[in-house]
C-alpha atoms as a PDB file:
ATOM      1  CA  UNK A   1     -82.202  18.137 -55.244  1.00  0.00           C
ATOM      2  CA  UNK A   2     -78.881  18.912 -53.582  1.00  0.00           C
ATOM      3  CA  UNK A   3     -77.636  16.203 -51.236  1.00  0.00           C
ATOM      4  CA  UNK A   4     -76.935  18.033 -47.991  1.00  0.00           C
ATOM      5  CA  UNK A   5     -74.798  15.923 -45.740  1.00  0.00           C
ATOM      6  CA  UNK A   6     -75.217  17.141 -42.132  1.00  0.00           C
ATOM      7  CA  UNK A   7     -71.767  16.007 -40.881  1.00  0.00           C
ATOM      8  CA  UNK A   8     -70.121  18.062 -43.617  1.00  0.00           C
ATOM      9  CA  UNK A   9     -72.244  21.193 -43.433  1.00  0.00           C
ATOM     10  CA  UNK A  10     -73.544  23.556 -40.790  1.00  0.00           C
ATOM     11  CA  UNK A  11     -77.163  24.546 -40.963  1.00  0.00           C
ATOM     12  CA  UNK A  12     -79.507  26.743 -38.970  1.00  0.00           C
ATOM     13  CA  UNK A  13     -81.452  25.916 -35.849  1.00  0.00           C
ATOM     14  CA  UNK A  14     -83.866  27.869 -33.691  1.00  0.00           C
ATOM     15  CA  UNK A  15     -81.006  29.106 -31.492  1.00  0.00           C
ATOM     16  CA  UNK A  16     -79.942  31.260 -34.459  1.00  0.00           C
ATOM     17  CA  UNK A  17     -83.400  32.663 -35.197  1.00  0.00           C
ATOM     18  CA  UNK A  18     -84.188  36.360 -34.832  1.00  0.00           C
ATOM     19  CA  UNK A  19     -87.373  38.064 -33.574  1.00  0.00           C
ATOM     20  CA  UNK A  20     -89.865  39.161 -36.225  1.00  0.00           C
ATOM     21  CA  UNK A  21     -92.833  40.026 -34.011  1.00  0.00           C
ATOM     22  CA  UNK A  22     -94.127  39.029 -30.573  1.00  0.00           C
ATOM     23  CA  UNK A  23     -93.683  35.283 -29.975  1.00  0.00           C
ATOM     24  CA  UNK A  24     -92.324  34.711 -33.465  1.00  0.00           C
ATOM     25  CA  UNK A  25     -88.674  34.102 -34.323  1.00  0.00           C
ATOM     26  CA  UNK A  26     -87.490  33.412 -37.851  1.00  0.00           C
ATOM     27  CA  UNK A  27     -84.416  32.103 -39.597  1.00  0.00           C
ATOM     28  CA  UNK A  28     -82.023  34.885 -40.663  1.00  0.00           C
ATOM     29  CA  UNK A  29     -82.666  33.852 -44.258  1.00  0.00           C
ATOM     30  CA  UNK A  30     -86.145  33.301 -45.670  1.00  0.00           C
ATOM     31  CA  UNK A  31     -87.195  31.647 -48.911  1.00  0.00           C
ATOM     32  CA  UNK A  32     -88.700  33.993 -51.486  1.00  0.00           C
ATOM     33  CA  UNK A  33     -91.091  32.257 -53.871  1.00  0.00           C
ATOM     34  CA  UNK A  34     -91.767  34.612 -56.773  1.00  0.00           C
ATOM     35  CA  UNK A  35     -89.848  32.325 -59.158  1.00  0.00           C
ATOM     36  CA  UNK A  36     -92.136  29.437 -58.252  1.00  0.00           C
ATOM     37  CA  UNK A  37     -95.114  31.117 -59.891  1.00  0.00           C
ATOM     38  CA  UNK A  38     -94.081  34.037 -62.061  1.00  0.00           C
ATOM     39  CA  UNK A  39     -91.391  34.701 -64.664  1.00  0.00           C
ATOM     40  CA  UNK A  40     -92.867  37.731 -66.422  1.00  0.00           C
ATOM     41  CA  UNK A  41     -92.448  41.338 -65.405  1.00  0.00           C
ATOM     42  CA  UNK A  42     -89.583  40.514 -63.052  1.00  0.00           C
ATOM     43  CA  UNK A  43     -86.180  42.188 -62.868  1.00  0.00           C
ATOM     44  CA  UNK A  44     -83.770  39.295 -62.603  1.00  0.00           C
ATOM     45  CA  UNK A  45     -80.661  39.359 -64.828  1.00  0.00           C
ATOM     46  CA  UNK A  46     -81.473  36.043 -66.516  1.00  0.00           C
ATOM     47  CA  UNK A  47     -84.673  34.424 -67.703  1.00  0.00           C
ATOM     48  CA  UNK A  48     -85.802  31.252 -65.979  1.00  0.00           C
ATOM     49  CA  UNK A  49     -88.391  28.504 -66.229  1.00  0.00           C
ATOM     50  CA  UNK A  50     -90.966  28.066 -63.496  1.00  0.00           C
ATOM     51  CA  UNK A  51     -90.105  24.789 -61.720  1.00  0.00           C
ATOM     52  CA  UNK A  52     -92.447  21.812 -61.682  1.00  0.00           C
ATOM     53  CA  UNK A  53     -94.224  20.591 -58.549  1.00  0.00           C
ATOM     54  CA  UNK A  54     -91.595  17.983 -57.724  1.00  0.00           C
ATOM     55  CA  UNK A  55     -88.783  20.539 -57.879  1.00  0.00           C
ATOM     56  CA  UNK A  56     -90.746  22.974 -55.719  1.00  0.00           C
ATOM     57  CA  UNK A  57     -91.425  20.253 -53.157  1.00  0.00           C
ATOM     58  CA  UNK A  58     -87.754  19.286 -53.130  1.00  0.00           C
ATOM     59  CA  UNK A  59     -86.668  22.894 -52.686  1.00  0.00           C
ATOM     60  CA  UNK A  60     -89.060  23.386 -49.773  1.00  0.00           C
ATOM     61  CA  UNK A  61     -87.822  20.160 -48.176  1.00  0.00           C
ATOM     62  CA  UNK A  62     -84.239  21.318 -48.571  1.00  0.00           C
ATOM     63  CA  UNK A  63     -85.049  24.727 -47.088  1.00  0.00           C
ATOM     64  CA  UNK A  64     -86.637  23.033 -44.091  1.00  0.00           C
ATOM     65  CA  UNK A  65     -83.683  20.665 -43.649  1.00  0.00           C
ATOM     66  CA  UNK A  66     -81.335  23.659 -43.749  1.00  0.00           C
ATOM     67  CA  UNK A  67     -83.230  25.275 -40.890  1.00  0.00           C
ATOM     68  CA  UNK A  68     -85.198  27.874 -42.851  1.00  0.00           C
ATOM     69  CA  UNK A  69     -88.637  28.462 -41.345  1.00  0.00           C
ATOM     70  CA  UNK A  70     -89.778  31.614 -43.196  1.00  0.00           C
ATOM     71  CA  UNK A  71     -91.541  31.622 -46.582  1.00  0.00           C
ATOM     72  CA  UNK A  72     -92.389  34.853 -48.394  1.00  0.00           C
ATOM     73  CA  UNK A  73     -95.064  34.847 -51.095  1.00  0.00           C
ATOM     74  CA  UNK A  74     -97.797  37.069 -52.583  1.00  0.00           C
ATOM     75  CA  UNK A  75    -100.941  36.980 -54.732  1.00  0.00           C
ATOM     76  CA  UNK A  76     -98.917  38.872 -57.350  1.00  0.00           C
ATOM     77  CA  UNK A  77     -96.561  35.885 -57.695  1.00  0.00           C
ATOM     78  CA  UNK A  78     -98.717  34.041 -60.208  1.00  0.00           C
ATOM     79  CA  UNK A  79    -100.066  30.740 -58.880  1.00  0.00           C
ATOM     80  CA  UNK A  80     -97.430  30.535 -56.154  1.00  0.00           C
ATOM     81  CA  UNK A  81     -99.806  30.618 -53.180  1.00  0.00           C
ATOM     82  CA  UNK A  82    -101.887  27.745 -54.578  1.00  0.00           C
ATOM     83  CA  UNK A  83     -98.785  25.670 -55.244  1.00  0.00           C
ATOM     84  CA  UNK A  84     -97.528  26.213 -51.698  1.00  0.00           C
ATOM     85  CA  UNK A  85    -100.926  25.341 -50.271  1.00  0.00           C
ATOM     86  CA  UNK A  86    -100.926  22.034 -52.124  1.00  0.00           C
ATOM     87  CA  UNK A  87     -97.349  21.126 -51.200  1.00  0.00           C
ATOM     88  CA  UNK A  88     -96.853  22.294 -47.595  1.00  0.00           C
ATOM     89  CA  UNK A  89     -97.991  19.396 -45.442  1.00  0.00           C
ATOM     90  CA  UNK A  90     -96.223  20.712 -42.325  1.00  0.00           C
ATOM     91  CA  UNK A  91     -97.711  24.190 -42.436  1.00  0.00           C
ATOM     92  CA  UNK A  92     -97.393  24.856 -38.681  1.00  0.00           C
ATOM     93  CA  UNK A  93     -93.630  24.463 -38.892  1.00  0.00           C
ATOM     94  CA  UNK A  94     -93.417  27.460 -41.221  1.00  0.00           C
ATOM     95  CA  UNK A  95     -93.837  31.192 -40.759  1.00  0.00           C
ATOM     96  CA  UNK A  96     -95.773  32.230 -43.863  1.00  0.00           C
ATOM     97  CA  UNK A  97     -95.644  35.829 -45.013  1.00  0.00           C
ATOM     98  CA  UNK A  98     -97.878  36.910 -47.867  1.00  0.00           C
ATOM     99  CA  UNK A  99     -99.039  40.261 -49.160  1.00  0.00           C
ATOM    100  CA  UNK A 100    -102.155  42.134 -50.194  1.00  0.00           C
ATOM    101  CA  UNK A 101    -103.008  44.994 -52.505  1.00  0.00           C
ATOM    102  CA  UNK A 102    -101.149  44.066 -55.703  1.00  0.00           C
ATOM    103  CA  UNK A 103    -102.496  41.805 -58.424  1.00  0.00           C
ATOM    104  CA  UNK A 104    -100.691  40.595 -61.560  1.00  0.00           C
ATOM    105  CA  UNK A 105    -102.675  39.497 -64.614  1.00  0.00           C
ATOM    106  CA  UNK A 106     -99.729  37.963 -66.446  1.00  0.00           C
ATOM    107  CA  UNK A 107     -98.795  41.234 -68.140  1.00  0.00           C
ATOM    108  CA  UNK A 108     -99.069  44.080 -65.663  1.00  0.00           C
ATOM    109  CA  UNK A 109     -99.881  44.850 -62.052  1.00  0.00           C
ATOM    110  CA  UNK A 110    -102.955  46.540 -60.649  1.00  0.00           C
ATOM    111  CA  UNK A 111    -103.606  47.663 -57.086  1.00  0.00           C
ATOM    112  CA  UNK A 112    -106.530  47.697 -54.690  1.00  0.00           C
ATOM    113  CA  UNK A 113    -106.007  48.869 -51.102  1.00  0.00           C
ATOM    114  CA  UNK A 114    -109.653  49.424 -50.271  1.00  0.00           C
ATOM    115  CA  UNK A 115    -110.911  47.676 -47.111  1.00  0.00           C
ATOM    116  CA  UNK A 116    -113.021  45.359 -49.260  1.00  0.00           C
ATOM    117  CA  UNK A 117    -110.125  44.616 -51.576  1.00  0.00           C
ATOM    118  CA  UNK A 118    -107.714  43.844 -48.744  1.00  0.00           C
ATOM    119  CA  UNK A 119    -110.217  41.657 -46.931  1.00  0.00           C
ATOM    120  CA  UNK A 120    -110.975  39.728 -50.113  1.00  0.00           C
ATOM    121  CA  UNK A 121    -107.253  39.332 -50.826  1.00  0.00           C
ATOM    122  CA  UNK A 122    -106.529  37.892 -47.379  1.00  0.00           C
ATOM    123  CA  UNK A 123    -109.496  35.518 -47.530  1.00  0.00           C
ATOM    124  CA  UNK A 124    -108.372  34.256 -50.934  1.00  0.00           C
ATOM    125  CA  UNK A 125    -104.794  33.811 -49.684  1.00  0.00           C
ATOM    126  CA  UNK A 126    -106.085  31.719 -46.800  1.00  0.00           C
ATOM    127  CA  UNK A 127    -107.917  29.445 -49.246  1.00  0.00           C
ATOM    128  CA  UNK A 128    -105.032  29.209 -51.692  1.00  0.00           C
ATOM    129  CA  UNK A 129    -102.495  28.494 -48.956  1.00  0.00           C
ATOM    130  CA  UNK A 130    -104.863  25.971 -47.345  1.00  0.00           C
ATOM    131  CA  UNK A 131    -104.470  27.478 -43.894  1.00  0.00           C
ATOM    132  CA  UNK A 132    -106.701  29.043 -41.263  1.00  0.00           C
ATOM    133  CA  UNK A 133    -104.249  31.825 -40.416  1.00  0.00           C
ATOM    134  CA  UNK A 134    -101.436  33.831 -41.975  1.00  0.00           C
ATOM    135  CA  UNK A 135     -98.389  34.691 -39.892  1.00  0.00           C
ATOM    136  CA  UNK A 136     -97.696  37.991 -41.667  1.00  0.00           C
ATOM    137  CA  UNK A 137     -99.583  40.012 -44.257  1.00  0.00           C
ATOM    138  CA  UNK A 138     -97.788  42.971 -45.827  1.00  0.00           C
ATOM    139  CA  UNK A 139     -99.278  45.727 -47.940  1.00  0.00           C
ATOM    140  CA  UNK A 140     -97.679  45.182 -51.362  1.00  0.00           C
ATOM    141  CA  UNK A 141     -97.088  48.845 -52.079  1.00  0.00           C
ATOM    142  CA  UNK A 142     -96.502  50.525 -55.461  1.00  0.00           C
ATOM    143  CA  UNK A 143     -93.891  53.218 -56.149  1.00  0.00           C
ATOM    144  CA  UNK A 144     -96.236  55.830 -54.683  1.00  0.00           C
ATOM    145  CA  UNK A 145     -96.074  54.008 -51.376  1.00  0.00           C
ATOM    146  CA  UNK A 146     -96.501  56.821 -48.863  1.00  0.00           C
ATOM    147  CA  UNK A 147     -99.935  57.885 -50.099  1.00  0.00           C
ATOM    148  CA  UNK A 148    -101.072  54.254 -50.097  1.00  0.00           C
ATOM    149  CA  UNK A 149    -100.380  53.822 -46.384  1.00  0.00           C
ATOM    150  CA  UNK A 150    -103.844  55.075 -45.532  1.00  0.00           C
ATOM    151  CA  UNK A 151    -105.686  54.763 -42.250  1.00  0.00           C
ATOM    152  CA  UNK A 152    -108.310  52.686 -44.095  1.00  0.00           C
ATOM    153  CA  UNK A 153    -105.728  50.065 -45.076  1.00  0.00           C
ATOM    154  CA  UNK A 154    -104.345  49.946 -41.541  1.00  0.00           C
ATOM    155  CA  UNK A 155    -107.832  49.576 -40.091  1.00  0.00           C
ATOM    156  CA  UNK A 156    -108.757  46.815 -42.539  1.00  0.00           C
ATOM    157  CA  UNK A 157    -105.683  44.722 -41.743  1.00  0.00           C
ATOM    158  CA  UNK A 158    -106.054  45.395 -38.018  1.00  0.00           C
ATOM    159  CA  UNK A 159    -109.618  44.030 -38.094  1.00  0.00           C
ATOM    160  CA  UNK A 160    -108.403  40.870 -39.825  1.00  0.00           C
ATOM    161  CA  UNK A 161    -105.734  40.547 -37.149  1.00  0.00           C
ATOM    162  CA  UNK A 162    -108.377  40.923 -34.423  1.00  0.00           C
ATOM    163  CA  UNK A 163    -110.332  38.084 -36.055  1.00  0.00           C
ATOM    164  CA  UNK A 164    -107.304  35.824 -35.721  1.00  0.00           C
ATOM    165  CA  UNK A 165    -106.785  35.500 -39.471  1.00  0.00           C
ATOM    166  CA  UNK A 166    -103.422  37.307 -39.308  1.00  0.00           C
ATOM    167  CA  UNK A 167    -100.799  37.208 -36.563  1.00  0.00           C
ATOM    168  CA  UNK A 168     -98.884  40.320 -37.662  1.00  0.00           C
ATOM    169  CA  UNK A 169     -99.412  43.098 -40.199  1.00  0.00           C
ATOM    170  CA  UNK A 170     -96.902  45.187 -42.077  1.00  0.00           C
ATOM    171  CA  UNK A 171     -95.903  46.887 -45.292  1.00  0.00           C
ATOM    172  CA  UNK A 172     -93.430  46.233 -48.088  1.00  0.00           C
ATOM    173  CA  UNK A 173     -92.261  49.772 -48.790  1.00  0.00           C
ATOM    174  CA  UNK A 174     -90.230  51.578 -51.422  1.00  0.00           C
ATOM    175  CA  UNK A 175     -89.310  54.931 -49.829  1.00  0.00           C
ATOM    176  CA  UNK A 176     -87.801  55.984 -46.524  1.00  0.00           C
ATOM    177  CA  UNK A 177     -90.822  58.124 -45.466  1.00  0.00           C
ATOM    178  CA  UNK A 178     -93.178  55.187 -46.057  1.00  0.00           C
ATOM    179  CA  UNK A 179     -90.836  52.844 -44.239  1.00  0.00           C
ATOM    180  CA  UNK A 180     -90.691  55.135 -41.223  1.00  0.00           C
ATOM    181  CA  UNK A 181     -94.478  55.430 -41.167  1.00  0.00           C
ATOM    182  CA  UNK A 182     -94.807  51.642 -41.365  1.00  0.00           C
ATOM    183  CA  UNK A 183     -92.474  51.301 -38.367  1.00  0.00           C
ATOM    184  CA  UNK A 184     -94.809  53.587 -36.398  1.00  0.00           C
ATOM    185  CA  UNK A 185     -98.090  51.890 -37.309  1.00  0.00           C
ATOM    186  CA  UNK A 186     -97.382  48.254 -38.182  1.00  0.00           C
ATOM    187  CA  UNK A 187     -95.756  45.175 -36.641  1.00  0.00           C
ATOM    188  CA  UNK A 188     -93.320  44.437 -39.463  1.00  0.00           C
ATOM    189  CA  UNK A 189     -91.702  46.316 -42.328  1.00  0.00           C
ATOM    190  CA  UNK A 190     -90.031  45.007 -45.480  1.00  0.00           C
ATOM    191  CA  UNK A 191     -87.405  47.212 -47.120  1.00  0.00           C
ATOM    192  CA  UNK A 192     -84.879  47.032 -49.949  1.00  0.00           C
ATOM    193  CA  UNK A 193     -81.407  47.157 -48.442  1.00  0.00           C
ATOM    194  CA  UNK A 194     -78.013  45.818 -49.456  1.00  0.00           C
ATOM    195  CA  UNK A 195     -74.316  46.549 -49.490  1.00  0.00           C
ATOM    196  CA  UNK A 196     -74.537  48.983 -52.412  1.00  0.00           C
ATOM    197  CA  UNK A 197     -77.740  50.735 -51.308  1.00  0.00           C
ATOM    198  CA  UNK A 198     -78.201  51.673 -47.661  1.00  0.00           C
ATOM    199  CA  UNK A 199     -80.651  54.525 -48.264  1.00  0.00           C
ATOM    200  CA  UNK A 200     -83.142  52.753 -45.984  1.00  0.00           C
ATOM    201  CA  UNK A 201     -80.756  52.832 -43.020  1.00  0.00           C
ATOM    202  CA  UNK A 202     -83.021  55.260 -41.166  1.00  0.00           C
ATOM    203  CA  UNK A 203     -85.866  52.743 -41.404  1.00  0.00           C
ATOM    204  CA  UNK A 204     -83.645  49.942 -40.123  1.00  0.00           C
ATOM    205  CA  UNK A 205     -82.516  52.115 -37.210  1.00  0.00           C
ATOM    206  CA  UNK A 206     -86.063  53.215 -36.350  1.00  0.00           C
ATOM    207  CA  UNK A 207     -87.309  49.628 -36.453  1.00  0.00           C
ATOM    208  CA  UNK A 208     -84.511  48.498 -34.167  1.00  0.00           C
ATOM    209  CA  UNK A 209     -85.266  51.296 -31.700  1.00  0.00           C
ATOM    210  CA  UNK A 210     -88.961  50.355 -31.717  1.00  0.00           C
ATOM    211  CA  UNK A 211     -88.362  46.572 -31.617  1.00  0.00           C
ATOM    212  CA  UNK A 212     -90.074  46.159 -34.979  1.00  0.00           C
ATOM    213  CA  UNK A 213     -89.221  43.241 -37.219  1.00  0.00           C
ATOM    214  CA  UNK A 214     -87.512  43.976 -40.536  1.00  0.00           C
ATOM    215  CA  UNK A 215     -87.460  41.722 -43.564  1.00  0.00           C
ATOM    216  CA  UNK A 216     -84.943  42.612 -46.228  1.00  0.00           C
ATOM    217  CA  UNK A 217     -85.882  42.341 -49.901  1.00  0.00           C
ATOM    218  CA  UNK A 218     -83.413  42.670 -52.770  1.00  0.00           C
ATOM    219  CA  UNK A 219     -80.610  41.901 -50.331  1.00  0.00           C
ATOM    220  CA  UNK A 220     -78.635  40.302 -53.176  1.00  0.00           C
ATOM    221  CA  UNK A 221     -79.671  42.999 -55.683  1.00  0.00           C
ATOM    222  CA  UNK A 222     -82.195  40.611 -57.271  1.00  0.00           C
ATOM    223  CA  UNK A 223     -79.391  38.411 -58.554  1.00  0.00           C
ATOM    224  CA  UNK A 224     -77.236  41.296 -59.769  1.00  0.00           C
ATOM    225  CA  UNK A 225     -74.751  41.133 -56.897  1.00  0.00           C
ATOM    226  CA  UNK A 226     -71.249  40.082 -57.838  1.00  0.00           C
ATOM    227  CA  UNK A 227     -70.614  38.158 -54.619  1.00  0.00           C
ATOM    228  CA  UNK A 228     -73.603  36.835 -52.641  1.00  0.00           C
ATOM    229  CA  UNK A 229     -71.238  35.940 -49.786  1.00  0.00           C
ATOM    230  CA  UNK A 230     -70.192  39.543 -49.238  1.00  0.00           C
ATOM    231  CA  UNK A 231     -73.770  40.782 -49.364  1.00  0.00           C
ATOM    232  CA  UNK A 232     -74.981  38.179 -46.877  1.00  0.00           C
ATOM    233  CA  UNK A 233     -72.103  38.825 -44.495  1.00  0.00           C
ATOM    234  CA  UNK A 234     -72.918  42.533 -44.628  1.00  0.00           C
ATOM    235  CA  UNK A 235     -76.604  41.924 -43.864  1.00  0.00           C
ATOM    236  CA  UNK A 236     -75.881  39.548 -41.006  1.00  0.00           C
ATOM    237  CA  UNK A 237     -74.126  42.391 -39.201  1.00  0.00           C
ATOM    238  CA  UNK A 238     -77.310  44.499 -39.208  1.00  0.00           C
ATOM    239  CA  UNK A 239     -80.371  44.429 -36.971  1.00  0.00           C
ATOM    240  CA  UNK A 240     -82.638  42.935 -39.648  1.00  0.00           C
ATOM    241  CA  UNK A 241     -84.788  39.921 -38.806  1.00  0.00           C
ATOM    242  CA  UNK A 242     -84.374  37.992 -42.058  1.00  0.00           C
ATOM    243  CA  UNK A 243     -83.203  38.485 -45.620  1.00  0.00           C
ATOM    244  CA  UNK A 244     -85.565  37.047 -48.232  1.00  0.00           C
ATOM    245  CA  UNK A 245     -83.702  35.247 -50.997  1.00  0.00           C
ATOM    246  CA  UNK A 246     -85.798  34.258 -53.998  1.00  0.00           C
ATOM    247  CA  UNK A 247     -84.025  31.284 -55.512  1.00  0.00           C
ATOM    248  CA  UNK A 248     -85.162  28.087 -57.202  1.00  0.00           C
ATOM    249  CA  UNK A 249     -81.599  26.744 -57.364  1.00  0.00           C
ATOM    250  CA  UNK A 250     -80.937  24.224 -54.544  1.00  0.00           C
ATOM    251  CA  UNK A 251     -77.163  24.715 -54.759  1.00  0.00           C
ATOM    252  CA  UNK A 252     -77.525  28.485 -54.386  1.00  0.00           C
ATOM    253  CA  UNK A 253     -79.861  28.062 -51.422  1.00  0.00           C
ATOM    254  CA  UNK A 254     -77.497  25.670 -49.662  1.00  0.00           C
ATOM    255  CA  UNK A 255     -74.516  27.945 -50.337  1.00  0.00           C
ATOM    256  CA  UNK A 256     -76.340  30.991 -48.966  1.00  0.00           C
ATOM    257  CA  UNK A 257     -77.266  29.152 -45.781  1.00  0.00           C
ATOM    258  CA  UNK A 258     -73.679  27.919 -45.434  1.00  0.00           C
ATOM    259  CA  UNK A 259     -72.403  31.493 -45.627  1.00  0.00           C
ATOM    260  CA  UNK A 260     -74.806  32.652 -42.927  1.00  0.00           C
ATOM    261  CA  UNK A 261     -73.933  29.625 -40.792  1.00  0.00           C
ATOM    262  CA  UNK A 262     -70.244  30.478 -41.076  1.00  0.00           C
ATOM    263  CA  UNK A 263     -70.912  34.035 -39.925  1.00  0.00           C
ATOM    264  CA  UNK A 264     -72.908  32.803 -36.945  1.00  0.00           C
ATOM    265  CA  UNK A 265     -70.203  30.299 -36.033  1.00  0.00           C
ATOM    266  CA  UNK A 266     -67.507  32.978 -36.272  1.00  0.00           C
ATOM    267  CA  UNK A 267     -69.533  35.138 -33.884  1.00  0.00           C
ATOM    268  CA  UNK A 268     -69.674  32.343 -31.341  1.00  0.00           C
ATOM    269  CA  UNK A 269     -73.316  31.305 -31.727  1.00  0.00           C
ATOM    270  CA  UNK A 270     -74.315  27.666 -31.812  1.00  0.00           C
ATOM    271  CA  UNK A 271     -75.483  25.634 -34.773  1.00  0.00           C
ATOM    272  CA  UNK A 272     -76.631  22.077 -34.992  1.00  0.00           C
END
């Protein structure tokens, strides 16, 4: 684990957090966890080994020490939810975002957005994550995302929210039309957006106008970006709530937080 020395390094505090949904503010960078449970069928430039429990625990402790309070996971991320549930002893200090609708059998994905399927997915996520509520649940949409944003799916997640099992509902979209529809109907939207691809700008603008939270996926081009610093500085100038960075490398995580902290400091905001 990286030794982060507070006197030598700025890190995030709640004064730097951004709104995600009503009564919920999150760190401008969130920890993506796909690499903690799945290394097949992913699009990263280099292969990697799934870390052991000690390394995962150390990474989560580092993320917390750096001021990160948002974790993004999904049933499609292998055994990631179960690992988090076993390791996170301070659950109420985290904003946990998971997903529903996509399943991965180790070789390929399948999808089920029926009311029964979504309800079952959320109930299983609650058990795996060892929690009695989920902060955010996103529809984990396929390429044909617009047709999947059905009224049935919205109703199913809304009922789970009414039961107190979910605090906010949303969708992880692929296309601009689906993103715009998600902004209209849901609390939160997750979009792919980075310095070299701003095709989702209309979704970002619509979400800002409607005070909807936006999580950014693929903000560093899934590890393909030449300079993470430039990409993070670009994103920090937007109205997004948080960029999800899926790393299992403590040094990379600390460096990414340092970059964001430098941007915040340069803009006159306070850090601890």
